[in-house]
Amino acid sequence: IYYKHVGIIGYTRGMLDFYKNSAPG
């Protein structure tokens, strides 16, 4: 079965801060 992401994403506060301070891999 194939699955696709719907685009509703949840973040912990720590992940949002990490996302802001990291570069795309």
PDB file of all heavy atoms in Angstrom:
ATOM      1  N   ILE A   1       0.853  -1.185   0.000  1.00  0.00           N
ATOM      2  CA  ILE A   1       0.000   0.000   0.000  1.00  0.00           C
ATOM      3  C   ILE A   1       0.890   1.236   0.000  1.00  0.00           C
ATOM      4  O   ILE A   1       1.820   1.337   0.809  1.00  0.00           O
ATOM      5  CB  ILE A   1      -0.926   0.018   1.234  1.00  0.00           C
ATOM      6  CG1 ILE A   1      -1.818  -1.223   1.251  1.00  0.00           C
ATOM      7  CG2 ILE A   1      -1.775   1.295   1.249  1.00  0.00           C
ATOM      8  CD1 ILE A   1      -2.656  -1.342   2.521  1.00  0.00           C
ATOM      9  N   TYR A   2       0.614   2.144  -0.903  1.00  0.00           N
ATOM     10  CA  TYR A   2       1.358   3.394  -0.951  1.00  0.00           C
ATOM     11  C   TYR A   2       0.643   4.443  -0.092  1.00  0.00           C
ATOM     12  O   TYR A   2      -0.583   4.518  -0.068  1.00  0.00           O
ATOM     13  CB  TYR A   2       1.480   3.900  -2.387  1.00  0.00           C
ATOM     14  CG  TYR A   2       2.380   3.045  -3.244  1.00  0.00           C
ATOM     15  CD1 TYR A   2       1.873   1.971  -3.979  1.00  0.00           C
ATOM     16  CD2 TYR A   2       3.740   3.298  -3.308  1.00  0.00           C
ATOM     17  CE1 TYR A   2       2.707   1.178  -4.753  1.00  0.00           C
ATOM     18  CE2 TYR A   2       4.582   2.518  -4.096  1.00  0.00           C
ATOM     19  CZ  TYR A   2       4.052   1.461  -4.809  1.00  0.00           C
ATOM     20  OH  TYR A   2       4.880   0.676  -5.577  1.00  0.00           O
ATOM     21  N   TYR A   3       1.451   5.232   0.594  1.00  0.00           N
ATOM     22  CA  TYR A   3       0.914   6.316   1.409  1.00  0.00           C
ATOM     23  C   TYR A   3       1.544   7.636   0.966  1.00  0.00           C
ATOM     24  O   TYR A   3       2.707   7.673   0.544  1.00  0.00           O
ATOM     25  CB  TYR A   3       1.219   6.093   2.884  1.00  0.00           C
ATOM     26  CG  TYR A   3       0.394   5.009   3.535  1.00  0.00           C
ATOM     27  CD1 TYR A   3       0.804   3.681   3.487  1.00  0.00           C
ATOM     28  CD2 TYR A   3      -0.800   5.306   4.189  1.00  0.00           C
ATOM     29  CE1 TYR A   3       0.051   2.673   4.077  1.00  0.00           C
ATOM     30  CE2 TYR A   3      -1.559   4.314   4.783  1.00  0.00           C
ATOM     31  CZ  TYR A   3      -1.126   3.005   4.724  1.00  0.00           C
ATOM     32  OH  TYR A   3      -1.885   2.016   5.316  1.00  0.00           O
ATOM     33  N   LYS A   4       0.771   8.690   1.084  1.00  0.00           N
ATOM     34  CA  LYS A   4       1.300  10.024   0.810  1.00  0.00           C
ATOM     35  C   LYS A   4       1.062  10.919   2.016  1.00  0.00           C
ATOM     36  O   LYS A   4       0.143  10.689   2.807  1.00  0.00           O
ATOM     37  CB  LYS A   4       0.631  10.637  -0.432  1.00  0.00           C
ATOM     38  CG  LYS A   4      -0.860  10.905  -0.263  1.00  0.00           C
ATOM     39  CD  LYS A   4      -1.446  11.528  -1.522  1.00  0.00           C
ATOM     40  CE  LYS A   4      -2.948  11.779  -1.366  1.00  0.00           C
ATOM     41  NZ  LYS A   4      -3.534  12.387  -2.584  1.00  0.00           N
ATOM     42  N   HIS A   5       1.904  11.923   2.170  1.00  0.00           N
ATOM     43  CA  HIS A   5       1.699  12.828   3.299  1.00  0.00           C
ATOM     44  C   HIS A   5       0.669  13.884   2.920  1.00  0.00           C
ATOM     45  O   HIS A   5       0.576  14.322   1.786  1.00  0.00           O
ATOM     46  CB  HIS A   5       3.035  13.407   3.779  1.00  0.00           C
ATOM     47  CG  HIS A   5       3.386  14.755   3.234  1.00  0.00           C
ATOM     48  ND1 HIS A   5       4.049  15.697   3.980  1.00  0.00           N
ATOM     49  CD2 HIS A   5       3.196  15.323   2.024  1.00  0.00           C
ATOM     50  CE1 HIS A   5       4.232  16.792   3.266  1.00  0.00           C
ATOM     51  NE2 HIS A   5       3.732  16.589   2.078  1.00  0.00           N
ATOM     52  N   VAL A   6      -0.155  14.227   3.900  1.00  0.00           N
ATOM     53  CA  VAL A   6      -1.266  15.154   3.676  1.00  0.00           C
ATOM     54  C   VAL A   6      -0.829  16.595   3.899  1.00  0.00           C
ATOM     55  O   VAL A   6      -1.415  17.521   3.358  1.00  0.00           O
ATOM     56  CB  VAL A   6      -2.473  14.775   4.571  1.00  0.00           C
ATOM     57  CG1 VAL A   6      -3.605  15.770   4.441  1.00  0.00           C
ATOM     58  CG2 VAL A   6      -2.963  13.377   4.212  1.00  0.00           C
ATOM     59  N   GLY A   7       0.197  16.808   4.691  1.00  0.00           N
ATOM     60  CA  GLY A   7       0.709  18.166   4.847  1.00  0.00           C
ATOM     61  C   GLY A   7       0.311  18.858   6.125  1.00  0.00           C
ATOM     62  O   GLY A   7       0.570  20.053   6.289  1.00  0.00           O
ATOM     63  N   ILE A   8      -0.327  18.141   7.054  1.00  0.00           N
ATOM     64  CA  ILE A   8      -0.610  18.696   8.373  1.00  0.00           C
ATOM     65  C   ILE A   8       0.488  18.184   9.295  1.00  0.00           C
ATOM     66  O   ILE A   8       0.537  17.003   9.622  1.00  0.00           O
ATOM     67  CB  ILE A   8      -2.006  18.278   8.882  1.00  0.00           C
ATOM     68  CG1 ILE A   8      -3.082  18.728   7.879  1.00  0.00           C
ATOM     69  CG2 ILE A   8      -2.280  18.871  10.256  1.00  0.00           C
ATOM     70  CD1 ILE A   8      -4.471  18.214   8.214  1.00  0.00           C
ATOM     71  N   ILE A   9       1.384  19.076   9.703  1.00  0.00           N
ATOM     72  CA  ILE A   9       2.590  18.685  10.425  1.00  0.00           C
ATOM     73  C   ILE A   9       2.548  19.258  11.836  1.00  0.00           C
ATOM     74  O   ILE A   9       2.208  20.420  12.038  1.00  0.00           O
ATOM     75  CB  ILE A   9       3.850  19.185   9.697  1.00  0.00           C
ATOM     76  CG1 ILE A   9       3.835  18.722   8.231  1.00  0.00           C
ATOM     77  CG2 ILE A   9       5.117  18.697  10.391  1.00  0.00           C
ATOM     78  CD1 ILE A   9       4.912  19.351   7.384  1.00  0.00           C
ATOM     79  N   GLY A  10       2.907  18.419  12.813  1.00  0.00           N
ATOM     80  CA  GLY A  10       3.000  18.866  14.190  1.00  0.00           C
ATOM     81  C   GLY A  10       4.452  18.926  14.638  1.00  0.00           C
ATOM     82  O   GLY A  10       5.278  18.102  14.221  1.00  0.00           O
ATOM     83  N   TYR A  11       4.787  19.910  15.486  1.00  0.00           N
ATOM     84  CA  TYR A  11       6.150  20.095  15.960  1.00  0.00           C
ATOM     85  C   TYR A  11       6.168  20.282  17.476  1.00  0.00           C
ATOM     86  O   TYR A  11       5.323  21.016  18.020  1.00  0.00           O
ATOM     87  CB  TYR A  11       6.779  21.373  15.366  1.00  0.00           C
ATOM     88  CG  TYR A  11       6.846  21.462  13.869  1.00  0.00           C
ATOM     89  CD1 TYR A  11       5.765  21.930  13.127  1.00  0.00           C
ATOM     90  CD2 TYR A  11       8.024  21.137  13.197  1.00  0.00           C
ATOM     91  CE1 TYR A  11       5.848  22.054  11.745  1.00  0.00           C
ATOM     92  CE2 TYR A  11       8.111  21.264  11.811  1.00  0.00           C
ATOM     93  CZ  TYR A  11       7.017  21.720  11.095  1.00  0.00           C
ATOM     94  OH  TYR A  11       7.103  21.841   9.734  1.00  0.00           O
ATOM     95  N   THR A  12       7.143  19.675  18.138  1.00  0.00           N
ATOM     96  CA  THR A  12       7.446  20.107  19.492  1.00  0.00           C
ATOM     97  C   THR A  12       8.107  21.482  19.397  1.00  0.00           C
ATOM     98  O   THR A  12       8.636  21.864  18.343  1.00  0.00           O
ATOM     99  CB  THR A  12       8.410  19.146  20.196  1.00  0.00           C
ATOM    100  OG1 THR A  12       9.650  19.109  19.464  1.00  0.00           O
ATOM    101  CG2 THR A  12       7.820  17.729  20.261  1.00  0.00           C
ATOM    102  N   ARG A  13       8.089  22.212  20.511  1.00  0.00           N
ATOM    103  CA  ARG A  13       8.751  23.515  20.497  1.00  0.00           C
ATOM    104  C   ARG A  13      10.237  23.365  20.180  1.00  0.00           C
ATOM    105  O   ARG A  13      10.824  24.155  19.434  1.00  0.00           O
ATOM    106  CB  ARG A  13       8.557  24.206  21.851  1.00  0.00           C
ATOM    107  CG  ARG A  13       9.304  25.527  22.008  1.00  0.00           C
ATOM    108  CD  ARG A  13       8.867  26.564  20.982  1.00  0.00           C
ATOM    109  NE  ARG A  13       9.716  27.717  20.966  1.00  0.00           N
ATOM    110  CZ  ARG A  13       9.535  28.802  21.721  1.00  0.00           C
ATOM    111  NH1 ARG A  13       8.533  28.841  22.569  1.00  0.00           N
ATOM    112  NH2 ARG A  13      10.345  29.828  21.629  1.00  0.00           N
ATOM    113  N   GLY A  14      10.852  22.302  20.729  1.00  0.00           N
ATOM    114  CA  GLY A  14      12.264  22.081  20.472  1.00  0.00           C
ATOM    115  C   GLY A  14      12.556  21.844  19.006  1.00  0.00           C
ATOM    116  O   GLY A  14      13.588  22.284  18.478  1.00  0.00           O
ATOM    117  N   MET A  15      11.647  21.141  18.302  1.00  0.00           N
ATOM    118  CA  MET A  15      11.862  20.880  16.878  1.00  0.00           C
ATOM    119  C   MET A  15      11.733  22.149  16.060  1.00  0.00           C
ATOM    120  O   MET A  15      12.482  22.366  15.092  1.00  0.00           O
ATOM    121  CB  MET A  15      10.891  19.815  16.373  1.00  0.00           C
ATOM    122  CG  MET A  15      11.171  19.363  14.931  1.00  0.00           C
ATOM    123  SD  MET A  15      12.834  18.642  14.752  1.00  0.00           S
ATOM    124  CE  MET A  15      13.099  18.833  12.989  1.00  0.00           C
ATOM    125  N   LEU A  16      10.799  23.011  16.417  1.00  0.00           N
ATOM    126  CA  LEU A  16      10.681  24.286  15.703  1.00  0.00           C
ATOM    127  C   LEU A  16      11.966  25.106  15.852  1.00  0.00           C
ATOM    128  O   LEU A  16      12.445  25.710  14.887  1.00  0.00           O
ATOM    129  CB  LEU A  16       9.489  25.079  16.235  1.00  0.00           C
ATOM    130  CG  LEU A  16       8.109  24.715  15.702  1.00  0.00           C
ATOM    131  CD1 LEU A  16       7.042  25.588  16.359  1.00  0.00           C
ATOM    132  CD2 LEU A  16       8.030  24.854  14.186  1.00  0.00           C
ATOM    133  N   ASP A  17      12.516  25.133  17.065  1.00  0.00           N
ATOM    134  CA  ASP A  17      13.751  25.888  17.286  1.00  0.00           C
ATOM    135  C   ASP A  17      14.905  25.261  16.493  1.00  0.00           C
ATOM    136  O   ASP A  17      15.714  25.968  15.888  1.00  0.00           O
ATOM    137  CB  ASP A  17      14.091  25.919  18.775  1.00  0.00           C
ATOM    138  CG  ASP A  17      13.116  26.780  19.574  1.00  0.00           C
ATOM    139  OD1 ASP A  17      12.417  27.615  18.962  1.00  0.00           O
ATOM    140  OD2 ASP A  17      13.042  26.593  20.804  1.00  0.00           O
ATOM    141  N   PHE A  18      14.960  23.910  16.491  1.00  0.00           N
ATOM    142  CA  PHE A  18      16.012  23.237  15.725  1.00  0.00           C
ATOM    143  C   PHE A  18      15.868  23.542  14.241  1.00  0.00           C
ATOM    144  O   PHE A  18      16.856  23.803  13.539  1.00  0.00           O
ATOM    145  CB  PHE A  18      15.952  21.722  15.953  1.00  0.00           C
ATOM    146  CG  PHE A  18      16.921  20.959  15.101  1.00  0.00           C
ATOM    147  CD1 PHE A  18      18.245  20.821  15.500  1.00  0.00           C
ATOM    148  CD2 PHE A  18      16.533  20.410  13.889  1.00  0.00           C
ATOM    149  CE1 PHE A  18      19.157  20.144  14.703  1.00  0.00           C
ATOM    150  CE2 PHE A  18      17.440  19.732  13.092  1.00  0.00           C
ATOM    151  CZ  PHE A  18      18.751  19.602  13.498  1.00  0.00           C
ATOM    152  N   TYR A  19      14.642  23.491  13.742  1.00  0.00           N
ATOM    153  CA  TYR A  19      14.390  23.740  12.320  1.00  0.00           C
ATOM    154  C   TYR A  19      14.880  25.132  11.927  1.00  0.00           C
ATOM    155  O   TYR A  19      15.511  25.320  10.887  1.00  0.00           O
ATOM    156  CB  TYR A  19      12.891  23.609  12.047  1.00  0.00           C
ATOM    157  CG  TYR A  19      12.559  23.293  10.613  1.00  0.00           C
ATOM    158  CD1 TYR A  19      12.105  22.040  10.230  1.00  0.00           C
ATOM    159  CD2 TYR A  19      12.676  24.268   9.623  1.00  0.00           C
ATOM    160  CE1 TYR A  19      11.794  21.753   8.912  1.00  0.00           C
ATOM    161  CE2 TYR A  19      12.366  23.998   8.306  1.00  0.00           C
ATOM    162  CZ  TYR A  19      11.923  22.734   7.960  1.00  0.00           C
ATOM    163  OH  TYR A  19      11.635  22.456   6.662  1.00  0.00           O
ATOM    164  N   LYS A  20      14.599  26.101  12.792  1.00  0.00           N
ATOM    165  CA  LYS A  20      14.995  27.475  12.496  1.00  0.00           C
ATOM    166  C   LYS A  20      16.516  27.628  12.455  1.00  0.00           C
ATOM    167  O   LYS A  20      17.051  28.406  11.656  1.00  0.00           O
ATOM    168  CB  LYS A  20      14.410  28.417  13.568  1.00  0.00           C
ATOM    169  CG  LYS A  20      14.847  29.868  13.456  1.00  0.00           C
ATOM    170  CD  LYS A  20      14.370  30.487  12.149  1.00  0.00           C
ATOM    171  CE  LYS A  20      14.586  31.993  12.140  1.00  0.00           C
ATOM    172  NZ  LYS A  20      16.018  32.351  12.281  1.00  0.00           N
ATOM    173  N   ASN A  21      17.221  26.870  13.298  1.00  0.00           N
ATOM    174  CA  ASN A  21      18.659  27.069  13.447  1.00  0.00           C
ATOM    175  C   ASN A  21      19.509  26.067  12.685  1.00  0.00           C
ATOM    176  O   ASN A  21      20.730  26.031  12.853  1.00  0.00           O
ATOM    177  CB  ASN A  21      19.017  27.025  14.940  1.00  0.00           C
ATOM    178  CG  ASN A  21      18.376  28.165  15.712  1.00  0.00           C
ATOM    179  OD1 ASN A  21      18.401  29.307  15.278  1.00  0.00           O
ATOM    180  ND2 ASN A  21      17.770  27.853  16.846  1.00  0.00           N
ATOM    181  N   SER A  22      18.876  25.254  11.830  1.00  0.00           N
ATOM    182  CA  SER A  22      19.626  24.265  11.049  1.00  0.00           C
ATOM    183  C   SER A  22      19.500  24.578   9.561  1.00  0.00           C
ATOM    184  O   SER A  22      18.566  25.251   9.126  1.00  0.00           O
ATOM    185  CB  SER A  22      19.111  22.851  11.341  1.00  0.00           C
ATOM    186  OG  SER A  22      17.737  22.733  11.003  1.00  0.00           O
ATOM    187  N   ALA A  23      20.443  24.054   8.805  1.00  0.00           N
ATOM    188  CA  ALA A  23      20.421  24.244   7.350  1.00  0.00           C
ATOM    189  C   ALA A  23      19.814  23.019   6.681  1.00  0.00           C
ATOM    190  O   ALA A  23      19.861  21.911   7.231  1.00  0.00           O
ATOM    191  CB  ALA A  23      21.847  24.455   6.838  1.00  0.00           C
ATOM    192  N   PRO A  24      19.218  23.179   5.503  1.00  0.00           N
ATOM    193  CA  PRO A  24      18.705  22.004   4.778  1.00  0.00           C
ATOM    194  C   PRO A  24      19.814  20.986   4.546  1.00  0.00           C
ATOM    195  O   PRO A  24      20.949  21.345   4.222  1.00  0.00           O
ATOM    196  CB  PRO A  24      18.209  22.597   3.454  1.00  0.00           C
ATOM    197  CG  PRO A  24      17.932  24.038   3.758  1.00  0.00           C
ATOM    198  CD  PRO A  24      18.960  24.438   4.784  1.00  0.00           C
ATOM    199  N   GLY A  25      19.471  19.701   4.737  1.00  0.00           N
ATOM    200  CA  GLY A  25      20.438  18.632   4.501  1.00  0.00           C
ATOM    201  C   GLY A  25      20.355  18.116   3.086  1.00  0.00           C
ATOM    202  O   GLY A  25      19.542  18.580   2.271  1.00  0.00           O
TER     203      GLY A  25
END
